Amino acid sequence: MKRQPVLKDPLARKAWAAMQAAVAKVVEAHRRDGRPLAVWQDGKAVLVPPDGASIVGEASGKYRVSGRSRKA
């Protein structure tokens, strides 16, 4: 995962911590059950074997934002 951003809002900090805990829980459950973990790597969805789940993380890089706007 990328370096934790500087979050000034207490609610944003709680949300970030909850997301990190949820991801850790899912990775551990997949490792414990022996199931591969689906992740996004190099622009493709790939399955990481349960024993390789410890290497799951976000590579540093820039995100691309499309020019289309989303309407709610």
Protein backbone atom coordinates (compact mmCIF):
# COMPACT_ATOMS: atom_id res chain seq x y z
CA MET A 1 0.00 0.00 0.00
CA LYS A 2 1.15 3.54 -0.58
CA ARG A 3 2.45 5.72 2.20
CA GLN A 4 -0.34 6.90 4.48
CA PRO A 5 -1.52 10.34 3.39
CA VAL A 6 -1.56 13.26 5.79
CA LEU A 7 -5.16 13.34 6.97
CA LYS A 8 -6.27 16.24 9.12
CA ASP A 9 -9.94 15.30 9.39
CA PRO A 10 -10.53 12.82 12.26
CA LEU A 11 -13.25 11.05 10.29
CA ALA A 12 -10.92 10.61 7.31
CA ARG A 13 -8.26 9.14 9.63
CA LYS A 14 -10.79 6.65 11.02
CA ALA A 15 -11.90 5.71 7.49
CA TRP A 16 -8.28 5.17 6.39
CA ALA A 17 -7.56 2.98 9.43
CA ALA A 18 -10.75 0.97 8.84
CA MET A 19 -9.80 0.40 5.20
CA GLN A 20 -6.31 -0.80 6.14
CA ALA A 21 -7.73 -3.17 8.77
CA ALA A 22 -10.28 -4.55 6.30
CA VAL A 23 -7.63 -5.23 3.65
CA ALA A 24 -5.38 -6.96 6.19
CA LYS A 25 -8.31 -9.10 7.33
CA VAL A 26 -9.16 -10.17 3.77
CA VAL A 27 -5.54 -11.00 2.92
CA GLU A 28 -5.19 -13.04 6.12
CA ALA A 29 -8.48 -14.91 5.46
CA HIS A 30 -7.32 -15.84 1.95
CA ARG A 31 -3.95 -17.01 3.28
CA ARG A 32 -5.58 -19.03 6.07
CA ASP A 33 -8.12 -20.68 3.73
CA GLY A 34 -5.57 -21.37 1.01
CA ARG A 35 -7.45 -19.32 -1.60
CA PRO A 36 -5.71 -17.11 -4.19
CA LEU A 37 -6.22 -13.38 -3.87
CA ALA A 38 -7.37 -11.37 -6.89
CA VAL A 39 -5.38 -8.15 -7.27
CA TRP A 40 -4.72 -5.54 -9.94
CA GLN A 41 -1.12 -5.57 -11.25
CA ASP A 42 0.29 -3.85 -14.32
CA GLY A 43 -3.15 -3.01 -15.66
CA LYS A 44 -4.47 -6.57 -15.34
CA ALA A 45 -6.40 -8.59 -12.79
CA VAL A 46 -4.22 -11.45 -11.54
CA LEU A 47 -4.50 -14.18 -8.92
CA VAL A 48 -1.79 -14.20 -6.26
CA PRO A 49 -1.26 -17.59 -4.61
CA PRO A 50 -2.04 -17.72 -0.87
CA ASP A 51 1.63 -18.02 0.06
CA GLY A 52 2.44 -14.93 -2.03
CA ALA A 53 -0.23 -12.75 -0.44
CA SER A 54 2.36 -11.08 1.79
CA ILE A 55 3.70 -9.29 -1.28
CA VAL A 56 0.34 -7.70 -2.01
CA GLY A 57 0.68 -3.96 -1.98
CA GLU A 58 0.30 -0.92 -4.12
CA ALA A 59 3.18 -0.07 -6.38
CA SER A 60 4.18 3.54 -6.37
CA GLY A 61 3.00 5.31 -9.46
CA LYS A 62 0.62 7.88 -10.75
CA TYR A 63 -3.07 7.29 -11.12
CA ARG A 64 -4.72 8.11 -14.38
CA VAL A 65 -7.98 10.05 -14.31
CA SER A 66 -10.27 9.85 -17.28
CA GLY A 67 -11.64 13.04 -18.81
CA ARG A 68 -15.23 11.90 -18.43
CA SER A 69 -17.22 13.33 -15.58
CA ARG A 70 -19.56 11.18 -13.55
CA LYS A 71 -23.03 12.41 -12.84
CA ALA A 72 -24.80 11.26 -9.71
